[in-house]
Amino acid sequence: MALVKVISDNLFSGANLQKVEVGSKVEVADKTAEKWAAAGLVEIIEDRTFEVATPGDDAPEQPVTTSKKGK
């Protein structure tokens, strides 16, 4: 995702093609931001990359418990 600032007055976006006002900040997909920037419609303010945490092999998140069966 990328945060972009609209610099052109002829940008329409969304399913119903609403006009986006000059100076508005919009969050769009990276490819869309690149296309709009190449066309001179927006300037890219910030590339937003999301980091996804994955469990590591170092230590378990929860301790392993042994179940004791009652007699």
C-alpha atoms as a PDB file:
ATOM      1  CA  MET A   1       0.000   0.000   0.000  1.00  0.00           C
ATOM      2  CA  ALA A   2       1.085   3.551  -0.628  1.00  0.00           C
ATOM      3  CA  LEU A   3      -0.085   6.894   0.687  1.00  0.00           C
ATOM      4  CA  VAL A   4      -0.444   9.413  -2.140  1.00  0.00           C
ATOM      5  CA  LYS A   5      -1.368  13.090  -2.387  1.00  0.00           C
ATOM      6  CA  VAL A   6      -3.593  14.129  -5.281  1.00  0.00           C
ATOM      7  CA  ILE A   7      -2.015  16.899  -7.389  1.00  0.00           C
ATOM      8  CA  SER A   8      -4.324  16.843 -10.418  1.00  0.00           C
ATOM      9  CA  ASP A   9      -7.933  17.955 -10.643  1.00  0.00           C
ATOM     10  CA  ASN A  10      -9.017  15.175 -13.003  1.00  0.00           C
ATOM     11  CA  LEU A  11      -8.649  12.059 -10.832  1.00  0.00           C
ATOM     12  CA  PHE A  12     -11.669   9.834 -10.408  1.00  0.00           C
ATOM     13  CA  SER A  13     -11.516   6.797  -8.154  1.00  0.00           C
ATOM     14  CA  GLY A  14     -13.702   4.088  -6.705  1.00  0.00           C
ATOM     15  CA  ALA A  15     -16.427   1.808  -7.996  1.00  0.00           C
ATOM     16  CA  ASN A  16     -18.732   4.748  -8.760  1.00  0.00           C
ATOM     17  CA  LEU A  17     -15.894   6.996 -10.003  1.00  0.00           C
ATOM     18  CA  GLN A  18     -16.077   9.746  -7.425  1.00  0.00           C
ATOM     19  CA  LYS A  19     -13.884  12.769  -8.071  1.00  0.00           C
ATOM     20  CA  VAL A  20     -10.943  13.036  -5.677  1.00  0.00           C
ATOM     21  CA  GLU A  21     -10.132  16.617  -4.685  1.00  0.00           C
ATOM     22  CA  VAL A  22      -6.688  18.162  -5.128  1.00  0.00           C
ATOM     23  CA  GLY A  23      -4.695  17.930  -1.903  1.00  0.00           C
ATOM     24  CA  SER A  24      -6.523  14.837  -0.666  1.00  0.00           C
ATOM     25  CA  LYS A  25      -4.448  12.014   0.744  1.00  0.00           C
ATOM     26  CA  VAL A  26      -5.495   8.552  -0.361  1.00  0.00           C
ATOM     27  CA  GLU A  27      -4.161   5.087   0.417  1.00  0.00           C
ATOM     28  CA  VAL A  28      -3.987   2.878  -2.675  1.00  0.00           C
ATOM     29  CA  ALA A  29      -2.225  -0.254  -3.897  1.00  0.00           C
ATOM     30  CA  ASP A  30       1.440   0.099  -4.887  1.00  0.00           C
ATOM     31  CA  LYS A  31       0.797  -0.611  -8.587  1.00  0.00           C
ATOM     32  CA  THR A  32      -2.025   1.939  -8.690  1.00  0.00           C
ATOM     33  CA  ALA A  33       0.163   4.557  -7.003  1.00  0.00           C
ATOM     34  CA  GLU A  34       2.939   3.948  -9.535  1.00  0.00           C
ATOM     35  CA  LYS A  35       0.528   4.273 -12.481  1.00  0.00           C
ATOM     36  CA  TRP A  36      -1.060   7.447 -11.123  1.00  0.00           C
ATOM     37  CA  ALA A  37       2.361   8.974 -10.365  1.00  0.00           C
ATOM     38  CA  ALA A  38       3.596   8.155 -13.876  1.00  0.00           C
ATOM     39  CA  ALA A  39       0.502   9.891 -15.282  1.00  0.00           C
ATOM     40  CA  GLY A  40       1.169  12.972 -13.132  1.00  0.00           C
ATOM     41  CA  LEU A  41      -2.017  12.632 -11.091  1.00  0.00           C
ATOM     42  CA  VAL A  42      -0.468  12.093  -7.644  1.00  0.00           C
ATOM     43  CA  GLU A  43       2.783  12.276  -5.737  1.00  0.00           C
ATOM     44  CA  ILE A  44       3.734   9.336  -3.563  1.00  0.00           C
ATOM     45  CA  ILE A  45       4.116  10.440   0.040  1.00  0.00           C
ATOM     46  CA  GLU A  46       4.927   7.149   1.702  1.00  0.00           C
ATOM     47  CA  ASP A  47       5.301   3.510   0.729  1.00  0.00           C
ATOM     48  CA  ARG A  48       3.639   1.445   3.399  1.00  0.00           C
ATOM     49  CA  THR A  49       4.870  -2.070   3.845  1.00  0.00           C
ATOM     50  CA  PHE A  50       3.269  -4.302   6.368  1.00  0.00           C
ATOM     51  CA  GLU A  51       5.351  -6.725   8.361  1.00  0.00           C
ATOM     52  CA  VAL A  52       3.762 -10.009   9.248  1.00  0.00           C
ATOM     53  CA  ALA A  53       5.015 -11.744  12.354  1.00  0.00           C
ATOM     54  CA  THR A  54       5.627 -15.434  12.008  1.00  0.00           C
ATOM     55  CA  PRO A  55       6.362 -17.802  14.845  1.00  0.00           C
ATOM     56  CA  GLY A  56      10.030 -18.616  15.173  1.00  0.00           C
ATOM     57  CA  ASP A  57      11.794 -21.846  16.042  1.00  0.00           C
ATOM     58  CA  ASP A  58      13.703 -20.315  18.959  1.00  0.00           C
ATOM     59  CA  ALA A  59      11.192 -20.677  21.754  1.00  0.00           C
ATOM     60  CA  PRO A  60       7.585 -21.748  21.865  1.00  0.00           C
ATOM     61  CA  GLU A  61       5.044 -19.052  22.614  1.00  0.00           C
ATOM     62  CA  GLN A  62       3.320 -21.227  25.177  1.00  0.00           C
ATOM     63  CA  PRO A  63       5.030 -23.786  27.379  1.00  0.00           C
ATOM     64  CA  VAL A  64       4.379 -27.395  26.559  1.00  0.00           C
ATOM     65  CA  THR A  65       2.398 -29.055  29.317  1.00  0.00           C
ATOM     66  CA  THR A  66       2.329 -32.741  30.037  1.00  0.00           C
ATOM     67  CA  SER A  67      -1.033 -34.102  30.916  1.00  0.00           C
ATOM     68  CA  LYS A  68      -1.249 -36.354  33.937  1.00  0.00           C
ATOM     69  CA  LYS A  69      -3.992 -38.894  33.878  1.00  0.00           C
ATOM     70  CA  GLY A  70      -5.712 -39.554  37.188  1.00  0.00           C
ATOM     71  CA  LYS A  71      -6.307 -43.097  38.382  1.00  0.00           C
END
